[in-house]
Amino acid sequence: MLNDTKGHQYGDRLLVEVAGRLRASVRTSDTVSRLGGDEFVVLLSELDAAEAKAASQAESVAEKILVAIQSPFKVHDEEFQCTCSIGVSLFQQNLGYDR
């Protein structure tokens, strides 16, 4: 919507600001990547091996991201509000093979 009302220079700047807040919400060992448009992926590494603990850790990061995105963004001296939705998927890396 921002691109349509203010132009791509506003939308692009907002995406840069969102990416910065996402990076500030995770550890340096985690990964933040833009898929395209206004979609981002956050990959959390080194979560606890226990599923319940890992889920709690992921939830904490998701809550931190929600708070960061809820604060107004300043783009070209104008303030904008954003919302976001977050989905979480947990998986364990298994390097061995069950036979």
PDB file of N, CA and C in Angstrom:
ATOM      1  N   MET A   1       0.824  -1.183   0.000  1.00  0.00           N
ATOM      2  CA  MET A   1       0.000   0.000   0.000  1.00  0.00           C
ATOM      3  C   MET A   1       0.879   1.261   0.000  1.00  0.00           C
ATOM      4  N   LEU A   2       1.985   1.223   0.710  1.00  0.00           N
ATOM      5  CA  LEU A   2       2.872   2.383   0.774  1.00  0.00           C
ATOM      6  C   LEU A   2       3.431   2.718  -0.600  1.00  0.00           C
ATOM      7  N   ASN A   3       3.809   1.698  -1.371  1.00  0.00           N
ATOM      8  CA  ASN A   3       4.286   1.936  -2.732  1.00  0.00           C
ATOM      9  C   ASN A   3       3.238   2.663  -3.568  1.00  0.00           C
ATOM     10  N   ASP A   4       1.981   2.277  -3.431  1.00  0.00           N
ATOM     11  CA  ASP A   4       0.905   2.865  -4.226  1.00  0.00           C
ATOM     12  C   ASP A   4       0.583   4.294  -3.817  1.00  0.00           C
ATOM     13  N   THR A   5       0.715   4.605  -2.535  1.00  0.00           N
ATOM     14  CA  THR A   5       0.339   5.947  -2.068  1.00  0.00           C
ATOM     15  C   THR A   5       1.502   6.932  -2.048  1.00  0.00           C
ATOM     16  N   LYS A   6       2.708   6.459  -1.758  1.00  0.00           N
ATOM     17  CA  LYS A   6       3.862   7.354  -1.609  1.00  0.00           C
ATOM     18  C   LYS A   6       4.968   7.103  -2.633  1.00  0.00           C
ATOM     19  N   GLY A   7       4.962   5.952  -3.264  1.00  0.00           N
ATOM     20  CA  GLY A   7       5.997   5.629  -4.242  1.00  0.00           C
ATOM     21  C   GLY A   7       6.976   4.588  -3.726  1.00  0.00           C
ATOM     22  N   HIS A   8       7.681   4.005  -4.676  1.00  0.00           N
ATOM     23  CA  HIS A   8       8.596   2.908  -4.338  1.00  0.00           C
ATOM     24  C   HIS A   8       9.760   3.347  -3.451  1.00  0.00           C
ATOM     25  N   GLN A   9      10.165   4.604  -3.528  1.00  0.00           N
ATOM     26  CA  GLN A   9      11.263   5.053  -2.671  1.00  0.00           C
ATOM     27  C   GLN A   9      10.863   4.960  -1.201  1.00  0.00           C
ATOM     28  N   TYR A  10       9.591   5.159  -0.884  1.00  0.00           N
ATOM     29  CA  TYR A  10       9.115   5.002   0.496  1.00  0.00           C
ATOM     30  C   TYR A  10       9.042   3.517   0.865  1.00  0.00           C
ATOM     31  N   GLY A  11       8.456   2.711  -0.019  1.00  0.00           N
ATOM     32  CA  GLY A  11       8.327   1.282   0.248  1.00  0.00           C
ATOM     33  C   GLY A  11       9.666   0.607   0.415  1.00  0.00           C
ATOM     34  N   ASP A  12      10.622   0.961  -0.451  1.00  0.00           N
ATOM     35  CA  ASP A  12      11.948   0.371  -0.359  1.00  0.00           C
ATOM     36  C   ASP A  12      12.637   0.757   0.954  1.00  0.00           C
ATOM     37  N   ARG A  13      12.501   2.006   1.334  1.00  0.00           N
ATOM     38  CA  ARG A  13      13.119   2.466   2.584  1.00  0.00           C
ATOM     39  C   ARG A  13      12.494   1.772   3.792  1.00  0.00           C
ATOM     40  N   LEU A  14      11.169   1.581   3.749  1.00  0.00           N
ATOM     41  CA  LEU A  14      10.492   0.879   4.839  1.00  0.00           C
ATOM     42  C   LEU A  14      11.009  -0.554   4.958  1.00  0.00           C
ATOM     43  N   LEU A  15      11.212  -1.226   3.835  1.00  0.00           N
ATOM     44  CA  LEU A  15      11.738  -2.589   3.864  1.00  0.00           C
ATOM     45  C   LEU A  15      13.126  -2.641   4.496  1.00  0.00           C
ATOM     46  N   VAL A  16      13.954  -1.649   4.203  1.00  0.00           N
ATOM     47  CA  VAL A  16      15.285  -1.575   4.810  1.00  0.00           C
ATOM     48  C   VAL A  16      15.159  -1.404   6.324  1.00  0.00           C
ATOM     49  N   GLU A  17      14.228  -0.554   6.751  1.00  0.00           N
ATOM     50  CA  GLU A  17      14.018  -0.325   8.184  1.00  0.00           C
ATOM     51  C   GLU A  17      13.493  -1.593   8.875  1.00  0.00           C
ATOM     52  N   VAL A  18      12.561  -2.282   8.238  1.00  0.00           N
ATOM     53  CA  VAL A  18      12.034  -3.533   8.795  1.00  0.00           C
ATOM     54  C   VAL A  18      13.163  -4.551   8.936  1.00  0.00           C
ATOM     55  N   ALA A  19      13.980  -4.697   7.896  1.00  0.00           N
ATOM     56  CA  ALA A  19      15.098  -5.645   7.952  1.00  0.00           C
ATOM     57  C   ALA A  19      16.034  -5.317   9.103  1.00  0.00           C
ATOM     58  N   GLY A  20      16.296  -4.042   9.324  1.00  0.00           N
ATOM     59  CA  GLY A  20      17.160  -3.644  10.437  1.00  0.00           C
ATOM     60  C   GLY A  20      16.574  -4.023  11.782  1.00  0.00           C
ATOM     61  N   ARG A  21      15.275  -3.837  11.931  1.00  0.00           N
ATOM     62  CA  ARG A  21      14.641  -4.210  13.207  1.00  0.00           C
ATOM     63  C   ARG A  21      14.635  -5.720  13.401  1.00  0.00           C
ATOM     64  N   LEU A  22      14.446  -6.454  12.315  1.00  0.00           N
ATOM     65  CA  LEU A  22      14.502  -7.918  12.422  1.00  0.00           C
ATOM     66  C   LEU A  22      15.896  -8.368  12.843  1.00  0.00           C
ATOM     67  N   ARG A  23      16.919  -7.817  12.198  1.00  0.00           N
ATOM     68  CA  ARG A  23      18.295  -8.180  12.557  1.00  0.00           C
ATOM     69  C   ARG A  23      18.601  -7.825  14.003  1.00  0.00           C
ATOM     70  N   ALA A  24      18.060  -6.707  14.472  1.00  0.00           N
ATOM     71  CA  ALA A  24      18.302  -6.295  15.862  1.00  0.00           C
ATOM     72  C   ALA A  24      17.555  -7.177  16.862  1.00  0.00           C
ATOM     73  N   SER A  25      16.588  -7.945  16.399  1.00  0.00           N
ATOM     74  CA  SER A  25      15.773  -8.789  17.276  1.00  0.00           C
ATOM     75  C   SER A  25      16.328 -10.194  17.445  1.00  0.00           C
ATOM     76  N   VAL A  26      17.358 -10.540  16.671  1.00  0.00           N
ATOM     77  CA  VAL A  26      17.909 -11.895  16.731  1.00  0.00           C
ATOM     78  C   VAL A  26      19.404 -11.835  17.031  1.00  0.00           C
ATOM     79  N   ARG A  27      19.969 -13.000  17.292  1.00  0.00           N
ATOM     80  CA  ARG A  27      21.403 -13.091  17.576  1.00  0.00           C
ATOM     81  C   ARG A  27      22.205 -13.032  16.273  1.00  0.00           C
ATOM     82  N   THR A  28      23.480 -12.749  16.387  1.00  0.00           N
ATOM     83  CA  THR A  28      24.322 -12.687  15.187  1.00  0.00           C
ATOM     84  C   THR A  28      24.436 -14.048  14.500  1.00  0.00           C
ATOM     85  N   SER A  29      24.206 -15.128  15.228  1.00  0.00           N
ATOM     86  CA  SER A  29      24.272 -16.470  14.640  1.00  0.00           C
ATOM     87  C   SER A  29      23.003 -16.835  13.871  1.00  0.00           C
ATOM     88  N   ASP A  30      21.947 -16.039  13.994  1.00  0.00           N
ATOM     89  CA  ASP A  30      20.687 -16.285  13.297  1.00  0.00           C
ATOM     90  C   ASP A  30      20.722 -15.617  11.923  1.00  0.00           C
ATOM     91  N   THR A  31      19.766 -15.963  11.082  1.00  0.00           N
ATOM     92  CA  THR A  31      19.727 -15.448   9.714  1.00  0.00           C
ATOM     93  C   THR A  31      18.417 -14.716   9.470  1.00  0.00           C
ATOM     94  N   VAL A  32      18.506 -13.530   8.874  1.00  0.00           N
ATOM     95  CA  VAL A  32      17.338 -12.772   8.418  1.00  0.00           C
ATOM     96  C   VAL A  32      17.475 -12.626   6.911  1.00  0.00           C
ATOM     97  N   SER A  33      16.433 -12.979   6.187  1.00  0.00           N
ATOM     98  CA  SER A  33      16.479 -12.911   4.736  1.00  0.00           C
ATOM     99  C   SER A  33      15.137 -12.436   4.191  1.00  0.00           C
ATOM    100  N   ARG A  34      15.199 -11.647   3.149  1.00  0.00           N
ATOM    101  CA  ARG A  34      13.971 -11.202   2.476  1.00  0.00           C
ATOM    102  C   ARG A  34      13.676 -12.163   1.339  1.00  0.00           C
ATOM    103  N   LEU A  35      12.464 -12.729   1.356  1.00  0.00           N
ATOM    104  CA  LEU A  35      12.049 -13.646   0.296  1.00  0.00           C
ATOM    105  C   LEU A  35      11.663 -12.887  -0.966  1.00  0.00           C
ATOM    106  N   GLY A  36      10.996 -11.782  -0.782  1.00  0.00           N
ATOM    107  CA  GLY A  36      10.502 -10.973  -1.894  1.00  0.00           C
ATOM    108  C   GLY A  36       9.326 -10.167  -1.401  1.00  0.00           C
ATOM    109  N   GLY A  37       9.025  -9.089  -2.098  1.00  0.00           N
ATOM    110  CA  GLY A  37       7.923  -8.240  -1.655  1.00  0.00           C
ATOM    111  C   GLY A  37       8.163  -7.804  -0.228  1.00  0.00           C
ATOM    112  N   ASP A  38       7.190  -8.053   0.623  1.00  0.00           N
ATOM    113  CA  ASP A  38       7.325  -7.686   2.037  1.00  0.00           C
ATOM    114  C   ASP A  38       7.416  -8.917   2.930  1.00  0.00           C
ATOM    115  N   GLU A  39       7.944 -10.007   2.395  1.00  0.00           N
ATOM    116  CA  GLU A  39       8.059 -11.253   3.146  1.00  0.00           C
ATOM    117  C   GLU A  39       9.505 -11.505   3.556  1.00  0.00           C
ATOM    118  N   PHE A  40       9.684 -11.797   4.834  1.00  0.00           N
ATOM    119  CA  PHE A  40      11.000 -12.088   5.390  1.00  0.00           C
ATOM    120  C   PHE A  40      10.979 -13.459   6.046  1.00  0.00           C
ATOM    121  N   VAL A  41      12.162 -14.073   6.147  1.00  0.00           N
ATOM    122  CA  VAL A  41      12.348 -15.327   6.867  1.00  0.00           C
ATOM    123  C   VAL A  41      13.405 -15.081   7.930  1.00  0.00           C
ATOM    124  N   VAL A  42      13.144 -15.584   9.127  1.00  0.00           N
ATOM    125  CA  VAL A  42      14.120 -15.526  10.205  1.00  0.00           C
ATOM    126  C   VAL A  42      14.429 -16.967  10.591  1.00  0.00           C
ATOM    127  N   LEU A  43      15.678 -17.347  10.454  1.00  0.00           N
ATOM    128  CA  LEU A  43      16.114 -18.697  10.787  1.00  0.00           C
ATOM    129  C   LEU A  43      16.913 -18.630  12.082  1.00  0.00           C
ATOM    130  N   LEU A  44      16.374 -19.261  13.115  1.00  0.00           N
ATOM    131  CA  LEU A  44      17.027 -19.271  14.425  1.00  0.00           C
ATOM    132  C   LEU A  44      17.869 -20.526  14.541  1.00  0.00           C
ATOM    133  N   SER A  45      19.138 -20.351  14.789  1.00  0.00           N
ATOM    134  CA  SER A  45      20.034 -21.506  14.916  1.00  0.00           C
ATOM    135  C   SER A  45      20.300 -21.781  16.384  1.00  0.00           C
ATOM    136  N   GLU A  46      20.769 -22.961  16.635  1.00  0.00           N
ATOM    137  CA  GLU A  46      21.211 -23.352  17.968  1.00  0.00           C
ATOM    138  C   GLU A  46      20.144 -23.192  19.051  1.00  0.00           C
ATOM    139  N   LEU A  47      18.911 -23.581  18.725  1.00  0.00           N
ATOM    140  CA  LEU A  47      17.878 -23.624  19.756  1.00  0.00           C
ATOM    141  C   LEU A  47      18.085 -24.873  20.593  1.00  0.00           C
ATOM    142  N   ASP A  48      17.449 -24.921  21.732  1.00  0.00           N
ATOM    143  CA  ASP A  48      17.567 -26.064  22.632  1.00  0.00           C
ATOM    144  C   ASP A  48      17.129 -27.343  21.920  1.00  0.00           C
ATOM    145  N   ALA A  49      17.727 -28.451  22.262  1.00  0.00           N
ATOM    146  CA  ALA A  49      17.376 -29.738  21.658  1.00  0.00           C
ATOM    147  C   ALA A  49      15.996 -30.221  22.110  1.00  0.00           C
ATOM    148  N   ALA A  50      15.566 -29.828  23.299  1.00  0.00           N
ATOM    149  CA  ALA A  50      14.235 -30.213  23.794  1.00  0.00           C
ATOM    150  C   ALA A  50      13.181 -29.375  23.068  1.00  0.00           C
ATOM    151  N   GLU A  51      12.204 -30.051  22.468  1.00  0.00           N
ATOM    152  CA  GLU A  51      11.208 -29.373  21.637  1.00  0.00           C
ATOM    153  C   GLU A  51      10.463 -28.259  22.379  1.00  0.00           C
ATOM    154  N   ALA A  52      10.037 -28.515  23.600  1.00  0.00           N
ATOM    155  CA  ALA A  52       9.289 -27.504  24.363  1.00  0.00           C
ATOM    156  C   ALA A  52      10.143 -26.268  24.627  1.00  0.00           C
ATOM    157  N   LYS A  53      11.398 -26.479  24.962  1.00  0.00           N
ATOM    158  CA  LYS A  53      12.312 -25.361  25.224  1.00  0.00           C
ATOM    159  C   LYS A  53      12.593 -24.579  23.931  1.00  0.00           C
ATOM    160  N   ALA A  54      12.798 -25.292  22.833  1.00  0.00           N
ATOM    161  CA  ALA A  54      13.033 -24.641  21.541  1.00  0.00           C
ATOM    162  C   ALA A  54      11.812 -23.819  21.128  1.00  0.00           C
ATOM    163  N   ALA A  55      10.624 -24.363  21.354  1.00  0.00           N
ATOM    164  CA  ALA A  55       9.396 -23.638  21.033  1.00  0.00           C
ATOM    165  C   ALA A  55       9.288 -22.372  21.867  1.00  0.00           C
ATOM    166  N   SER A  56       9.643 -22.457  23.133  1.00  0.00           N
ATOM    167  CA  SER A  56       9.609 -21.291  24.012  1.00  0.00           C
ATOM    168  C   SER A  56      10.615 -20.235  23.554  1.00  0.00           C
ATOM    169  N   GLN A  57      11.795 -20.679  23.149  1.00  0.00           N
ATOM    170  CA  GLN A  57      12.806 -19.745  22.645  1.00  0.00           C
ATOM    171  C   GLN A  57      12.322 -19.050  21.367  1.00  0.00           C
ATOM    172  N   ALA A  58      11.737 -19.809  20.453  1.00  0.00           N
ATOM    173  CA  ALA A  58      11.212 -19.240  19.205  1.00  0.00           C
ATOM    174  C   ALA A  58      10.078 -18.259  19.500  1.00  0.00           C
ATOM    175  N   GLU A  59       9.218 -18.602  20.452  1.00  0.00           N
ATOM    176  CA  GLU A  59       8.123 -17.712  20.828  1.00  0.00           C
ATOM    177  C   GLU A  59       8.654 -16.393  21.392  1.00  0.00           C
ATOM    178  N   SER A  60       9.695 -16.469  22.191  1.00  0.00           N
ATOM    179  CA  SER A  60      10.298 -15.251  22.752  1.00  0.00           C
ATOM    180  C   SER A  60      10.821 -14.338  21.645  1.00  0.00           C
ATOM    181  N   VAL A  61      11.475 -14.909  20.650  1.00  0.00           N
ATOM    182  CA  VAL A  61      11.985 -14.112  19.539  1.00  0.00           C
ATOM    183  C   VAL A  61      10.824 -13.525  18.739  1.00  0.00           C
ATOM    184  N   ALA A  62       9.783 -14.319  18.507  1.00  0.00           N
ATOM    185  CA  ALA A  62       8.613 -13.825  17.771  1.00  0.00           C
ATOM    186  C   ALA A  62       7.976 -12.646  18.497  1.00  0.00           C
ATOM    187  N   GLU A  63       7.862 -12.735  19.810  1.00  0.00           N
ATOM    188  CA  GLU A  63       7.301 -11.630  20.589  1.00  0.00           C
ATOM    189  C   GLU A  63       8.181 -10.385  20.497  1.00  0.00           C
ATOM    190  N   LYS A  64       9.490 -10.580  20.525  1.00  0.00           N
ATOM    191  CA  LYS A  64      10.427  -9.469  20.393  1.00  0.00           C
ATOM    192  C   LYS A  64      10.270  -8.794  19.026  1.00  0.00           C
ATOM    193  N   ILE A  65      10.101  -9.598  17.988  1.00  0.00           N
ATOM    194  CA  ILE A  65       9.894  -9.060  16.637  1.00  0.00           C
ATOM    195  C   ILE A  65       8.591  -8.283  16.562  1.00  0.00           C
ATOM    196  N   LEU A  66       7.523  -8.830  17.134  1.00  0.00           N
ATOM    197  CA  LEU A  66       6.234  -8.123  17.116  1.00  0.00           C
ATOM    198  C   LEU A  66       6.340  -6.753  17.770  1.00  0.00           C
ATOM    199  N   VAL A  67       7.002  -6.674  18.896  1.00  0.00           N
ATOM    200  CA  VAL A  67       7.180  -5.391  19.584  1.00  0.00           C
ATOM    201  C   VAL A  67       7.989  -4.429  18.708  1.00  0.00           C
ATOM    202  N   ALA A  68       9.052  -4.937  18.088  1.00  0.00           N
ATOM    203  CA  ALA A  68       9.905  -4.091  17.251  1.00  0.00           C
ATOM    204  C   ALA A  68       9.140  -3.536  16.050  1.00  0.00           C
ATOM    205  N   ILE A  69       8.298  -4.348  15.447  1.00  0.00           N
ATOM    206  CA  ILE A  69       7.567  -3.919  14.250  1.00  0.00           C
ATOM    207  C   ILE A  69       6.404  -2.985  14.615  1.00  0.00           C
ATOM    208  N   GLN A  70       5.855  -3.109  15.819  1.00  0.00           N
ATOM    209  CA  GLN A  70       4.730  -2.265  16.233  1.00  0.00           C
ATOM    210  C   GLN A  70       5.123  -0.806  16.435  1.00  0.00           C
ATOM    211  N   SER A  71       6.379  -0.536  16.740  1.00  0.00           N
ATOM    212  CA  SER A  71       6.818   0.847  16.921  1.00  0.00           C
ATOM    213  C   SER A  71       6.774   1.556  15.572  1.00  0.00           C
ATOM    214  N   PRO A  72       6.366   2.830  15.556  1.00  0.00           N
ATOM    215  CA  PRO A  72       6.276   3.550  14.278  1.00  0.00           C
ATOM    216  C   PRO A  72       7.626   3.621  13.559  1.00  0.00           C
ATOM    217  N   PHE A  73       7.569   3.598  12.244  1.00  0.00           N
ATOM    218  CA  PHE A  73       8.749   3.742  11.391  1.00  0.00           C
ATOM    219  C   PHE A  73       8.798   5.165  10.865  1.00  0.00           C
ATOM    220  N   LYS A  74       9.978   5.736  10.803  1.00  0.00           N
ATOM    221  CA  LYS A  74      10.149   7.055  10.215  1.00  0.00           C
ATOM    222  C   LYS A  74      10.818   6.868   8.853  1.00  0.00           C
ATOM    223  N   VAL A  75      10.095   7.257   7.815  1.00  0.00           N
ATOM    224  CA  VAL A  75      10.589   7.127   6.439  1.00  0.00           C
ATOM    225  C   VAL A  75      10.473   8.485   5.770  1.00  0.00           C
ATOM    226  N   HIS A  76      11.602   9.025   5.348  1.00  0.00           N
ATOM    227  CA  HIS A  76      11.624  10.345   4.694  1.00  0.00           C
ATOM    228  C   HIS A  76      10.844  11.376   5.514  1.00  0.00           C
ATOM    229  N   ASP A  77      11.130  11.421   6.806  1.00  0.00           N
ATOM    230  CA  ASP A  77      10.535  12.381   7.748  1.00  0.00           C
ATOM    231  C   ASP A  77       9.029  12.221   7.953  1.00  0.00           C
ATOM    232  N   GLU A  78       8.479  11.065   7.617  1.00  0.00           N
ATOM    233  CA  GLU A  78       7.074  10.764   7.893  1.00  0.00           C
ATOM    234  C   GLU A  78       7.006   9.482   8.708  1.00  0.00           C
ATOM    235  N   GLU A  79       6.008   9.389   9.591  1.00  0.00           N
ATOM    236  CA  GLU A  79       5.834   8.197  10.426  1.00  0.00           C
ATOM    237  C   GLU A  79       4.808   7.260   9.795  1.00  0.00           C
ATOM    238  N   PHE A  80       5.124   5.962   9.884  1.00  0.00           N
ATOM    239  CA  PHE A  80       4.235   4.926   9.363  1.00  0.00           C
ATOM    240  C   PHE A  80       4.133   3.799  10.380  1.00  0.00           C
ATOM    241  N   GLN A  81       2.951   3.200  10.475  1.00  0.00           N
ATOM    242  CA  GLN A  81       2.702   2.027  11.327  1.00  0.00           C
ATOM    243  C   GLN A  81       2.658   0.799  10.441  1.00  0.00           C
ATOM    244  N   CYS A  82       3.171  -0.283  10.944  1.00  0.00           N
ATOM    245  CA  CYS A  82       3.119  -1.564  10.238  1.00  0.00           C
ATOM    246  C   CYS A  82       2.546  -2.631  11.151  1.00  0.00           C
ATOM    247  N   THR A  83       2.073  -3.669  10.542  1.00  0.00           N
ATOM    248  CA  THR A  83       1.690  -4.873  11.270  1.00  0.00           C
ATOM    249  C   THR A  83       2.455  -6.032  10.644  1.00  0.00           C
ATOM    250  N   CYS A  84       2.468  -7.145  11.317  1.00  0.00           N
ATOM    251  CA  CYS A  84       3.103  -8.324  10.728  1.00  0.00           C
ATOM    252  C   CYS A  84       2.405  -9.572  11.237  1.00  0.00           C
ATOM    253  N   SER A  85       2.587 -10.635  10.506  1.00  0.00           N
ATOM    254  CA  SER A  85       2.134 -11.941  10.963  1.00  0.00           C
ATOM    255  C   SER A  85       3.357 -12.845  10.993  1.00  0.00           C
ATOM    256  N   ILE A  86       3.371 -13.749  11.947  1.00  0.00           N
ATOM    257  CA  ILE A  86       4.529 -14.618  12.143  1.00  0.00           C
ATOM    258  C   ILE A  86       4.062 -16.062  12.226  1.00  0.00           C
ATOM    259  N   GLY A  87       4.716 -16.912  11.468  1.00  0.00           N
ATOM    260  CA  GLY A  87       4.506 -18.352  11.560  1.00  0.00           C
ATOM    261  C   GLY A  87       5.799 -18.990  12.027  1.00  0.00           C
ATOM    262  N   VAL A  88       5.693 -20.050  12.816  1.00  0.00           N
ATOM    263  CA  VAL A  88       6.876 -20.704  13.355  1.00  0.00           C
ATOM    264  C   VAL A  88       6.830 -22.188  13.007  1.00  0.00           C
ATOM    265  N   SER A  89       7.948 -22.701  12.561  1.00  0.00           N
ATOM    266  CA  SER A  89       8.092 -24.124  12.291  1.00  0.00           C
ATOM    267  C   SER A  89       9.388 -24.589  12.941  1.00  0.00           C
ATOM    268  N   LEU A  90       9.312 -25.653  13.694  1.00  0.00           N
ATOM    269  CA  LEU A  90      10.500 -26.217  14.349  1.00  0.00           C
ATOM    270  C   LEU A  90      10.884 -27.517  13.659  1.00  0.00           C
ATOM    271  N   PHE A  91      12.176 -27.724  13.492  1.00  0.00           N
ATOM    272  CA  PHE A  91      12.646 -29.012  13.010  1.00  0.00           C
ATOM    273  C   PHE A  91      14.016 -29.280  13.585  1.00  0.00           C
ATOM    274  N   GLN A  92      14.330 -30.548  13.717  1.00  0.00           N
ATOM    275  CA  GLN A  92      15.644 -30.950  14.208  1.00  0.00           C
ATOM    276  C   GLN A  92      16.437 -31.482  13.032  1.00  0.00           C
ATOM    277  N   GLN A  93      17.677 -31.068  12.973  1.00  0.00           N
ATOM    278  CA  GLN A  93      18.552 -31.564  11.929  1.00  0.00           C
ATOM    279  C   GLN A  93      19.043 -32.943  12.342  1.00  0.00           C
ATOM    280  N   ASN A  94      18.847 -33.898  11.493  1.00  0.00           N
ATOM    281  CA  ASN A  94      19.286 -35.273  11.758  1.00  0.00           C
ATOM    282  C   ASN A  94      20.297 -35.655  10.679  1.00  0.00           C
ATOM    283  N   LEU A  95      21.555 -35.702  11.057  1.00  0.00           N
ATOM    284  CA  LEU A  95      22.597 -36.020  10.082  1.00  0.00           C
ATOM    285  C   LEU A  95      22.776 -37.520   9.900  1.00  0.00           C
ATOM    286  N   GLY A  96      22.229 -38.306  10.797  1.00  0.00           N
ATOM    287  CA  GLY A  96      22.346 -39.749  10.678  1.00  0.00           C
ATOM    288  C   GLY A  96      21.147 -40.321   9.915  1.00  0.00           C
ATOM    289  N   TYR A  97      21.238 -41.562   9.540  1.00  0.00           N
ATOM    290  CA  TYR A  97      20.152 -42.218   8.837  1.00  0.00           C
ATOM    291  C   TYR A  97      19.659 -43.398   9.659  1.00  0.00           C
ATOM    292  N   ASP A  98      18.348 -43.490   9.784  1.00  0.00           N
ATOM    293  CA  ASP A  98      17.755 -44.645  10.462  1.00  0.00           C
ATOM    294  C   ASP A  98      17.685 -45.790   9.463  1.00  0.00           C
ATOM    295  N   ARG A  99      18.141 -46.935   9.871  1.00  0.00           N
ATOM    296  CA  ARG A  99      18.097 -48.081   8.955  1.00  0.00           C
ATOM    297  C   ARG A  99      17.377 -49.215   9.588  1.00  0.00           C
TER     298      ARG A  99
END
